[in-house]
C-alpha atoms as a PDB file:
ATOM      1  CA  MET A   1    -135.244 251.440 -52.731  1.00  0.00           C
ATOM      2  CA  ALA A   2    -135.439 254.344 -55.571  1.00  0.00           C
ATOM      3  CA  ILE A   3    -137.259 257.850 -54.612  1.00  0.00           C
ATOM      4  CA  ASP A   4    -139.189 259.526 -57.511  1.00  0.00           C
ATOM      5  CA  LEU A   5    -137.201 262.633 -57.467  1.00  0.00           C
ATOM      6  CA  SER A   6    -134.458 264.720 -56.990  1.00  0.00           C
ATOM      7  CA  ILE A   7    -134.463 268.162 -56.579  1.00  0.00           C
ATOM      8  CA  VAL A   8    -131.120 269.757 -57.590  1.00  0.00           C
ATOM      9  CA  ILE A   9    -130.544 273.766 -56.669  1.00  0.00           C
ATOM     10  CA  VAL A  10    -127.156 275.344 -57.522  1.00  0.00           C
ATOM     11  CA  SER A  11    -126.894 278.930 -56.035  1.00  0.00           C
ATOM     12  CA  PHE A  12    -124.698 281.491 -55.224  1.00  0.00           C
ATOM     13  CA  ASN A  13    -124.388 284.538 -53.250  1.00  0.00           C
ATOM     14  CA  VAL A  14    -128.573 284.975 -53.244  1.00  0.00           C
ATOM     15  CA  ARG A  15    -128.905 283.360 -49.566  1.00  0.00           C
ATOM     16  CA  GLY A  16    -132.232 285.561 -48.894  1.00  0.00           C
ATOM     17  CA  HIS A  17    -134.084 283.202 -52.457  1.00  0.00           C
ATOM     18  CA  LEU A  18    -132.458 280.157 -51.510  1.00  0.00           C
ATOM     19  CA  GLU A  19    -133.633 280.605 -48.367  1.00  0.00           C
ATOM     20  CA  ARG A  20    -137.186 281.389 -49.447  1.00  0.00           C
ATOM     21  CA  CYS A  21    -137.061 278.156 -52.008  1.00  0.00           C
ATOM     22  CA  LEU A  22    -136.063 276.184 -49.416  1.00  0.00           C
ATOM     23  CA  GLN A  23    -139.521 277.117 -47.491  1.00  0.00           C
ATOM     24  CA  ALA A  24    -141.592 277.104 -49.877  1.00  0.00           C
ATOM     25  CA  LEU A  25    -140.172 273.619 -50.757  1.00  0.00           C
ATOM     26  CA  GLY A  26    -140.415 272.821 -46.956  1.00  0.00           C
ATOM     27  CA  ASP A  27    -143.844 274.186 -46.806  1.00  0.00           C
ATOM     28  CA  ALA A  28    -145.582 272.800 -49.013  1.00  0.00           C
ATOM     29  CA  PRO A  29    -143.377 269.507 -50.187  1.00  0.00           C
ATOM     30  CA  PRO A  30    -143.943 266.967 -53.181  1.00  0.00           C
ATOM     31  CA  VAL A  31    -146.587 263.449 -52.262  1.00  0.00           C
ATOM     32  CA  HIS A  32    -143.746 261.996 -54.188  1.00  0.00           C
ATOM     33  CA  SER A  33    -140.614 260.328 -52.415  1.00  0.00           C
ATOM     34  CA  HIS A  34    -137.995 263.408 -53.157  1.00  0.00           C
ATOM     35  CA  GLU A  35    -134.925 264.343 -51.898  1.00  0.00           C
ATOM     36  CA  VAL A  36    -133.441 268.274 -52.163  1.00  0.00           C
ATOM     37  CA  ILE A  37    -129.511 268.660 -53.017  1.00  0.00           C
ATOM     38  CA  VAL A  38    -128.368 272.445 -52.827  1.00  0.00           C
ATOM     39  CA  VAL A  39    -124.626 272.898 -54.948  1.00  0.00           C
ATOM     40  CA  ASP A  40    -123.493 276.311 -53.571  1.00  0.00           C
ATOM     41  CA  ASN A  41    -120.938 277.526 -55.343  1.00  0.00           C
ATOM     42  CA  ALA A  42    -118.178 279.080 -53.216  1.00  0.00           C
ATOM     43  CA  SER A  43    -120.755 281.360 -51.601  1.00  0.00           C
ATOM     44  CA  ALA A  44    -119.945 284.531 -49.037  1.00  0.00           C
ATOM     45  CA  ASP A  45    -123.129 285.430 -48.082  1.00  0.00           C
ATOM     46  CA  GLY A  46    -123.614 282.200 -45.551  1.00  0.00           C
ATOM     47  CA  SER A  47    -125.740 280.518 -48.532  1.00  0.00           C
ATOM     48  CA  ALA A  48    -124.571 277.049 -47.182  1.00  0.00           C
ATOM     49  CA  GLU A  49    -124.917 277.840 -43.507  1.00  0.00           C
ATOM     50  CA  ALA A  50    -128.400 278.584 -44.285  1.00  0.00           C
ATOM     51  CA  ALA A  51    -129.487 275.955 -46.020  1.00  0.00           C
ATOM     52  CA  ARG A  52    -128.206 273.836 -43.187  1.00  0.00           C
ATOM     53  CA  ARG A  53    -131.572 274.995 -41.589  1.00  0.00           C
ATOM     54  CA  TRP A  54    -133.456 272.244 -43.558  1.00  0.00           C
ATOM     55  CA  PRO A  55    -132.193 269.110 -42.159  1.00  0.00           C
ATOM     56  CA  ALA A  56    -133.087 267.323 -45.032  1.00  0.00           C
ATOM     57  CA  VAL A  57    -131.519 269.334 -47.135  1.00  0.00           C
ATOM     58  CA  GLN A  58    -128.336 267.504 -48.333  1.00  0.00           C
ATOM     59  CA  VAL A  59    -126.133 270.827 -48.924  1.00  0.00           C
ATOM     60  CA  ILE A  60    -122.618 270.097 -51.120  1.00  0.00           C
ATOM     61  CA  GLU A  61    -120.423 273.275 -51.097  1.00  0.00           C
ATOM     62  CA  ALA A  62    -118.123 273.766 -53.591  1.00  0.00           C
ATOM     63  CA  THR A  63    -114.314 275.449 -53.561  1.00  0.00           C
ATOM     64  CA  GLU A  64    -114.845 277.351 -56.184  1.00  0.00           C
ATOM     65  CA  ASN A  65    -117.927 279.125 -58.414  1.00  0.00           C
ATOM     66  CA  LEU A  66    -118.244 275.973 -60.712  1.00  0.00           C
ATOM     67  CA  GLY A  67    -121.251 277.791 -62.726  1.00  0.00           C
ATOM     68  CA  PHE A  68    -124.928 276.259 -63.373  1.00  0.00           C
ATOM     69  CA  ALA A  69    -123.953 273.295 -65.461  1.00  0.00           C
ATOM     70  CA  ARG A  70    -121.122 271.610 -63.553  1.00  0.00           C
ATOM     71  CA  GLY A  71    -122.748 272.494 -60.264  1.00  0.00           C
ATOM     72  CA  THR A  72    -125.932 270.862 -61.382  1.00  0.00           C
ATOM     73  CA  ASN A  73    -123.814 267.954 -62.236  1.00  0.00           C
ATOM     74  CA  VAL A  74    -122.086 267.757 -59.030  1.00  0.00           C
ATOM     75  CA  GLY A  75    -125.690 267.385 -58.059  1.00  0.00           C
ATOM     76  CA  VAL A  76    -126.807 265.208 -60.054  1.00  0.00           C
ATOM     77  CA  ARG A  77    -124.499 262.830 -59.371  1.00  0.00           C
ATOM     78  CA  SER A  78    -124.902 262.580 -55.359  1.00  0.00           C
ATOM     79  CA  SER A  79    -128.444 262.032 -56.363  1.00  0.00           C
ATOM     80  CA  SER A  80    -130.590 259.047 -55.863  1.00  0.00           C
ATOM     81  CA  GLY A  81    -133.875 260.037 -57.446  1.00  0.00           C
ATOM     82  CA  THR A  82    -135.164 257.949 -60.974  1.00  0.00           C
ATOM     83  CA  ASN A  83    -136.328 262.021 -62.101  1.00  0.00           C
ATOM     84  CA  LEU A  84    -134.070 264.736 -61.366  1.00  0.00           C
ATOM     85  CA  LEU A  85    -135.909 268.815 -61.390  1.00  0.00           C
ATOM     86  CA  PHE A  86    -133.055 270.876 -62.094  1.00  0.00           C
ATOM     87  CA  LEU A  87    -134.343 274.209 -59.980  1.00  0.00           C
ATOM     88  CA  ASN A  88    -133.222 277.713 -59.853  1.00  0.00           C
ATOM     89  CA  SER A  89    -132.274 279.527 -56.205  1.00  0.00           C
ATOM     90  CA  ASP A  90    -134.261 282.456 -56.877  1.00  0.00           C
ATOM     91  CA  THR A  91    -137.825 280.062 -57.943  1.00  0.00           C
ATOM     92  CA  VAL A  92    -140.890 279.895 -55.851  1.00  0.00           C
ATOM     93  CA  VAL A  93    -142.626 276.881 -56.218  1.00  0.00           C
ATOM     94  CA  PRO A  94    -146.255 276.565 -55.153  1.00  0.00           C
ATOM     95  CA  ALA A  95    -147.834 274.092 -53.231  1.00  0.00           C
ATOM     96  CA  GLY A  96    -148.646 270.890 -56.051  1.00  0.00           C
ATOM     97  CA  ALA A  97    -146.688 272.097 -58.587  1.00  0.00           C
ATOM     98  CA  ILE A  98    -144.226 269.243 -58.499  1.00  0.00           C
ATOM     99  CA  ASP A  99    -146.004 266.843 -58.103  1.00  0.00           C
ATOM    100  CA  GLY A 100    -147.932 268.140 -61.722  1.00  0.00           C
ATOM    101  CA  LEU A 101    -144.918 268.154 -63.309  1.00  0.00           C
ATOM    102  CA  LEU A 102    -144.420 264.559 -62.575  1.00  0.00           C
ATOM    103  CA  ASP A 103    -148.057 263.800 -63.611  1.00  0.00           C
ATOM    104  CA  GLU A 104    -147.687 264.938 -67.180  1.00  0.00           C
ATOM    105  CA  LEU A 105    -144.672 262.982 -67.486  1.00  0.00           C
ATOM    106  CA  ASP A 106    -145.853 259.963 -66.012  1.00  0.00           C
ATOM    107  CA  ARG A 107    -148.579 260.271 -68.795  1.00  0.00           C
ATOM    108  CA  HIS A 108    -146.630 261.049 -71.503  1.00  0.00           C
ATOM    109  CA  GLN A 109    -144.133 258.512 -71.842  1.00  0.00           C
ATOM    110  CA  ASP A 110    -142.829 258.837 -75.196  1.00  0.00           C
ATOM    111  CA  VAL A 111    -141.221 262.726 -73.048  1.00  0.00           C
ATOM    112  CA  ALA A 112    -137.952 262.682 -71.429  1.00  0.00           C
ATOM    113  CA  VAL A 113    -138.037 266.645 -70.546  1.00  0.00           C
ATOM    114  CA  VAL A 114    -140.795 269.086 -68.987  1.00  0.00           C
ATOM    115  CA  GLY A 115    -141.063 272.705 -68.120  1.00  0.00           C
ATOM    116  CA  PRO A 116    -143.604 274.511 -66.430  1.00  0.00           C
ATOM    117  CA  ARG A 117    -144.708 277.597 -66.958  1.00  0.00           C
ATOM    118  CA  LEU A 118    -142.444 280.498 -65.842  1.00  0.00           C
ATOM    119  CA  VAL A 119    -143.903 283.894 -63.752  1.00  0.00           C
ATOM    120  CA  ASP A 120    -142.179 287.255 -62.504  1.00  0.00           C
ATOM    121  CA  GLY A 121    -142.624 288.337 -59.474  1.00  0.00           C
ATOM    122  CA  GLN A 122    -145.248 290.766 -61.053  1.00  0.00           C
ATOM    123  CA  GLY A 123    -147.014 287.274 -62.576  1.00  0.00           C
ATOM    124  CA  ARG A 124    -145.844 288.618 -66.042  1.00  0.00           C
ATOM    125  CA  ALA A 125    -145.206 285.304 -68.131  1.00  0.00           C
ATOM    126  CA  GLU A 126    -141.612 284.142 -68.999  1.00  0.00           C
ATOM    127  CA  LEU A 127    -140.982 283.077 -72.562  1.00  0.00           C
ATOM    128  CA  SER A 128    -139.040 280.022 -71.373  1.00  0.00           C
ATOM    129  CA  PHE A 129    -139.462 277.837 -73.962  1.00  0.00           C
ATOM    130  CA  GLY A 130    -138.119 277.932 -78.031  1.00  0.00           C
ATOM    131  CA  ARG A 131    -137.562 277.072 -80.859  1.00  0.00           C
ATOM    132  CA  MET A 132    -133.466 275.685 -81.606  1.00  0.00           C
ATOM    133  CA  VAL A 133    -131.733 278.584 -80.818  1.00  0.00           C
ATOM    134  CA  GLY A 134    -129.806 279.805 -83.982  1.00  0.00           C
ATOM    135  CA  PRO A 135    -128.954 283.360 -85.481  1.00  0.00           C
ATOM    136  CA  LEU A 136    -133.005 284.085 -87.015  1.00  0.00           C
ATOM    137  CA  ASN A 137    -134.605 281.747 -83.397  1.00  0.00           C
ATOM    138  CA  GLU A 138    -132.225 284.291 -81.061  1.00  0.00           C
ATOM    139  CA  PHE A 139    -133.373 287.923 -82.849  1.00  0.00           C
ATOM    140  CA  ARG A 140    -136.591 286.025 -82.725  1.00  0.00           C
ATOM    141  CA  GLN A 141    -137.012 285.633 -78.868  1.00  0.00           C
ATOM    142  CA  GLN A 142    -135.329 288.487 -77.660  1.00  0.00           C
ATOM    143  CA  ARG A 143    -136.773 290.811 -80.008  1.00  0.00           C
ATOM    144  CA  LEU A 144    -140.371 288.804 -78.666  1.00  0.00           C
ATOM    145  CA  MET A 145    -139.343 289.338 -74.444  1.00  0.00           C
ATOM    146  CA  ARG A 146    -138.577 292.805 -75.641  1.00  0.00           C
ATOM    147  CA  GLY A 147    -141.889 293.807 -76.933  1.00  0.00           C
ATOM    148  CA  TYR A 148    -143.742 291.880 -74.392  1.00  0.00           C
ATOM    149  CA  TYR A 149    -141.781 293.871 -71.378  1.00  0.00           C
ATOM    150  CA  ALA A 150    -142.219 297.169 -73.154  1.00  0.00           C
ATOM    151  CA  GLY A 151    -145.645 296.722 -72.879  1.00  0.00           C
ATOM    152  CA  HIS A 152    -146.967 296.331 -76.724  1.00  0.00           C
ATOM    153  CA  ALA A 153    -150.364 295.132 -77.174  1.00  0.00           C
ATOM    154  CA  GLY A 154    -149.808 292.264 -79.678  1.00  0.00           C
ATOM    155  CA  ILE A 155    -146.926 291.373 -78.669  1.00  0.00           C
ATOM    156  CA  VAL A 156    -148.106 290.678 -75.061  1.00  0.00           C
ATOM    157  CA  ALA A 157    -151.489 288.818 -76.890  1.00  0.00           C
ATOM    158  CA  LYS A 158    -149.412 286.853 -78.656  1.00  0.00           C
ATOM    159  CA  VAL A 159    -146.508 285.676 -75.296  1.00  0.00           C
ATOM    160  CA  GLU A 160    -150.121 284.659 -73.073  1.00  0.00           C
ATOM    161  CA  ARG A 161    -151.247 283.166 -75.761  1.00  0.00           C
ATOM    162  CA  GLU A 162    -148.554 281.078 -76.503  1.00  0.00           C
ATOM    163  CA  THR A 163    -147.457 280.360 -72.728  1.00  0.00           C
ATOM    164  CA  ARG A 164    -151.319 278.928 -72.124  1.00  0.00           C
ATOM    165  CA  GLN A 165    -151.548 276.362 -74.066  1.00  0.00           C
ATOM    166  CA  ASP A 166    -149.317 272.900 -74.224  1.00  0.00           C
ATOM    167  CA  GLN A 167    -146.209 272.808 -76.044  1.00  0.00           C
ATOM    168  CA  TYR A 168    -143.848 270.442 -77.714  1.00  0.00           C
ATOM    169  CA  PRO A 169    -140.696 273.147 -78.130  1.00  0.00           C
ATOM    170  CA  ASP A 170    -137.221 272.389 -79.459  1.00  0.00           C
ATOM    171  CA  TRP A 171    -136.023 273.453 -75.722  1.00  0.00           C
ATOM    172  CA  VAL A 172    -137.410 274.313 -72.271  1.00  0.00           C
ATOM    173  CA  SER A 173    -135.398 276.853 -69.723  1.00  0.00           C
ATOM    174  CA  GLY A 174    -133.408 274.680 -66.995  1.00  0.00           C
ATOM    175  CA  ALA A 175    -134.715 277.463 -64.301  1.00  0.00           C
ATOM    176  CA  CYS A 176    -137.365 274.442 -63.625  1.00  0.00           C
ATOM    177  CA  LEU A 177    -136.905 271.211 -65.952  1.00  0.00           C
ATOM    178  CA  LEU A 178    -137.957 267.822 -65.193  1.00  0.00           C
ATOM    179  CA  VAL A 179    -136.543 265.345 -66.082  1.00  0.00           C
ATOM    180  CA  ARG A 180    -136.297 261.162 -66.545  1.00  0.00           C
ATOM    181  CA  ARG A 181    -133.105 260.409 -64.950  1.00  0.00           C
ATOM    182  CA  ASP A 182    -131.995 257.610 -67.693  1.00  0.00           C
ATOM    183  CA  ASP A 183    -132.512 260.430 -70.196  1.00  0.00           C
ATOM    184  CA  ALA A 184    -130.063 262.927 -68.502  1.00  0.00           C
ATOM    185  CA  GLU A 185    -127.215 260.215 -68.265  1.00  0.00           C
ATOM    186  CA  ALA A 186    -127.845 258.862 -71.790  1.00  0.00           C
ATOM    187  CA  VAL A 187    -126.719 262.040 -72.984  1.00  0.00           C
ATOM    188  CA  GLY A 188    -124.143 262.534 -70.318  1.00  0.00           C
ATOM    189  CA  LEU A 189    -125.630 265.257 -68.061  1.00  0.00           C
ATOM    190  CA  LEU A 190    -125.357 269.125 -68.706  1.00  0.00           C
ATOM    191  CA  ASP A 191    -122.646 269.868 -71.522  1.00  0.00           C
ATOM    192  CA  GLU A 192    -119.535 271.371 -68.876  1.00  0.00           C
ATOM    193  CA  ARG A 193    -118.723 273.569 -71.501  1.00  0.00           C
ATOM    194  CA  TYR A 194    -121.339 276.062 -70.326  1.00  0.00           C
ATOM    195  CA  PHE A 195    -120.795 278.091 -67.631  1.00  0.00           C
ATOM    196  CA  MET A 196    -124.436 279.935 -67.102  1.00  0.00           C
ATOM    197  CA  TYR A 197    -126.863 280.271 -70.514  1.00  0.00           C
ATOM    198  CA  LEU A 198    -127.877 278.119 -72.970  1.00  0.00           C
ATOM    199  CA  GLU A 199    -126.590 274.631 -71.646  1.00  0.00           C
ATOM    200  CA  ASP A 200    -130.570 273.931 -70.981  1.00  0.00           C
ATOM    201  CA  VAL A 201    -131.086 274.249 -74.888  1.00  0.00           C
ATOM    202  CA  ASP A 202    -128.228 271.981 -75.808  1.00  0.00           C
ATOM    203  CA  PHE A 203    -129.390 269.285 -73.348  1.00  0.00           C
ATOM    204  CA  CYS A 204    -132.445 269.426 -74.834  1.00  0.00           C
ATOM    205  CA  ALA A 205    -131.005 269.098 -78.265  1.00  0.00           C
ATOM    206  CA  ALA A 206    -128.984 265.690 -77.240  1.00  0.00           C
ATOM    207  CA  ILE A 207    -132.482 264.694 -75.228  1.00  0.00           C
ATOM    208  CA  ARG A 208    -134.248 265.111 -78.598  1.00  0.00           C
ATOM    209  CA  ALA A 209    -131.401 263.903 -81.100  1.00  0.00           C
ATOM    210  CA  ARG A 210    -132.190 260.817 -79.220  1.00  0.00           C
ATOM    211  CA  GLY A 211    -135.722 260.735 -80.558  1.00  0.00           C
ATOM    212  CA  ARG A 212    -137.296 261.541 -77.098  1.00  0.00           C
ATOM    213  CA  ARG A 213    -139.714 264.843 -76.892  1.00  0.00           C
ATOM    214  CA  VAL A 214    -139.343 267.703 -74.986  1.00  0.00           C
ATOM    215  CA  MET A 215    -142.383 269.198 -72.800  1.00  0.00           C
ATOM    216  CA  PHE A 216    -143.968 272.457 -71.989  1.00  0.00           C
ATOM    217  CA  THR A 217    -147.202 272.683 -70.304  1.00  0.00           C
ATOM    218  CA  PRO A 218    -149.154 275.759 -68.448  1.00  0.00           C
ATOM    219  CA  LYS A 219    -150.946 273.580 -66.149  1.00  0.00           C
ATOM    220  CA  VAL A 220    -147.941 273.979 -63.435  1.00  0.00           C
ATOM    221  CA  GLU A 221    -147.402 277.695 -62.612  1.00  0.00           C
ATOM    222  CA  ILE A 222    -143.493 278.218 -60.671  1.00  0.00           C
ATOM    223  CA  VAL A 223    -142.248 281.665 -60.054  1.00  0.00           C
ATOM    224  CA  HIS A 224    -138.546 282.986 -60.909  1.00  0.00           C
ATOM    225  CA  LEU A 225    -137.188 286.324 -60.132  1.00  0.00           C
ATOM    226  CA  ARG A 226    -135.274 286.173 -62.808  1.00  0.00           C
ATOM    227  CA  GLY A 227    -131.954 287.109 -62.964  1.00  0.00           C
ATOM    228  CA  GLN A 228    -131.404 287.271 -59.418  1.00  0.00           C
ATOM    229  CA  SER A 229    -128.761 285.168 -59.004  1.00  0.00           C
ATOM    230  CA  VAL A 230    -126.812 287.046 -61.096  1.00  0.00           C
ATOM    231  CA  ARG A 231    -126.830 290.230 -60.181  1.00  0.00           C
ATOM    232  CA  SER A 232    -124.070 289.926 -57.597  1.00  0.00           C
ATOM    233  CA  ILE A 233    -121.641 289.431 -60.714  1.00  0.00           C
ATOM    234  CA  ALA A 234    -123.715 291.054 -63.066  1.00  0.00           C
ATOM    235  CA  ALA A 235    -120.086 292.683 -64.781  1.00  0.00           C
ATOM    236  CA  SER A 236    -119.129 289.253 -65.815  1.00  0.00           C
ATOM    237  CA  THR A 237    -122.968 287.867 -66.863  1.00  0.00           C
ATOM    238  CA  GLY A 238    -122.136 289.708 -70.585  1.00  0.00           C
ATOM    239  CA  ARG A 239    -119.059 287.908 -70.704  1.00  0.00           C
ATOM    240  CA  ALA A 240    -120.381 284.749 -69.428  1.00  0.00           C
ATOM    241  CA  TYR A 241    -123.702 284.364 -72.066  1.00  0.00           C
ATOM    242  CA  ARG A 242    -121.430 285.188 -75.144  1.00  0.00           C
ATOM    243  CA  ARG A 243    -118.603 282.770 -74.300  1.00  0.00           C
ATOM    244  CA  SER A 244    -121.401 280.314 -74.365  1.00  0.00           C
ATOM    245  CA  GLN A 245    -122.633 281.640 -77.180  1.00  0.00           C
ATOM    246  CA  ILE A 246    -119.313 280.902 -78.849  1.00  0.00           C
ATOM    247  CA  ALA A 247    -119.276 277.949 -77.182  1.00  0.00           C
ATOM    248  CA  PHE A 248    -123.115 276.901 -78.420  1.00  0.00           C
ATOM    249  CA  TYR A 249    -122.598 278.014 -82.325  1.00  0.00           C
ATOM    250  CA  ALA A 250    -119.682 276.290 -82.544  1.00  0.00           C
ATOM    251  CA  LYS A 251    -121.218 273.199 -81.839  1.00  0.00           C
ATOM    252  CA  HIS A 252    -124.730 273.104 -83.366  1.00  0.00           C
ATOM    253  CA  HIS A 253    -123.240 275.902 -86.125  1.00  0.00           C
ATOM    254  CA  PRO A 254    -119.834 276.071 -86.524  1.00  0.00           C
ATOM    255  CA  ALA A 255    -119.900 277.998 -89.997  1.00  0.00           C
ATOM    256  CA  TRP A 256    -121.299 281.270 -87.808  1.00  0.00           C
ATOM    257  CA  VAL A 257    -119.118 281.641 -85.418  1.00  0.00           C
ATOM    258  CA  PRO A 258    -116.808 283.352 -87.446  1.00  0.00           C
ATOM    259  CA  ILE A 259    -119.922 285.791 -88.156  1.00  0.00           C
ATOM    260  CA  LEU A 260    -120.863 286.018 -84.889  1.00  0.00           C
ATOM    261  CA  ARG A 261    -116.877 286.661 -83.568  1.00  0.00           C
ATOM    262  CA  LEU A 262    -116.886 289.320 -85.905  1.00  0.00           C
ATOM    263  CA  TYR A 263    -120.304 291.233 -84.436  1.00  0.00           C
ATOM    264  CA  LEU A 264    -119.412 290.863 -81.146  1.00  0.00           C
ATOM    265  CA  ARG A 265    -116.040 292.399 -82.240  1.00  0.00           C
ATOM    266  CA  LEU A 266    -117.371 295.297 -84.346  1.00  0.00           C
ATOM    267  CA  ARG A 267    -120.224 295.977 -80.517  1.00  0.00           C
ATOM    268  CA  GLY A 268    -116.821 295.964 -78.935  1.00  0.00           C
ATOM    269  CA  ALA A 269    -118.354 292.900 -76.563  1.00  0.00           C
ATOM    270  CA  ASP A 270    -115.493 291.342 -74.387  1.00  0.00           C
ATOM    271  CA  THR A 271    -115.457 287.812 -74.457  1.00  0.00           C
END
């Protein structure tokens, strides 16, 4: 008999955060039947061994750093849940949160993907959803978040207001993304051309292309200690983003690729 949910966590060299994530899930597990799968991307800090302290957790050890998309797909292919939760290792899930997401998905049969309200360790909201990434929308999103973290009163009020309302955006963050398995498999899971960054936007675009909806709900709130998973490879994260950016534009906005490459070259950005 199929279980309700497979929780797939991809981790790389963040043992402490992975332990905190698993401890939160273990202390207050979802009521729905579920499994937890950790895909460890060849961490050097004992993350895989630490994850095995939770006997119910299935640990898959990769022999190299597969990145987020490929690592998630490995976990999904080893899972059996009717629904899939992509969950970052640097998240802390409160009691009842996952059941709340599943309830929202059950209430909206036309919805394939649901994302929660994400907040950082200080309780500040993350703008974890948005319009389809393109030159203008990407600029607007980045400017909005810069203003938010700088404390600009008008922008803070706008972000707080938007993250307190149900939304049907073009995408939600892959840091915590619930999707029906049938929908995920129908689009071929995550596109493995993306090592990290923008795979969630691309995935949601594929979902929407099939006439299915993406939903953001503030009824569920999850802590996301943003950036923890990439600090150990900070020198290469910028390159990873730019490579994903070029791959994304080549797929969705091909006419802009030469302009993007020129812009990056003028900025001296290494790809």
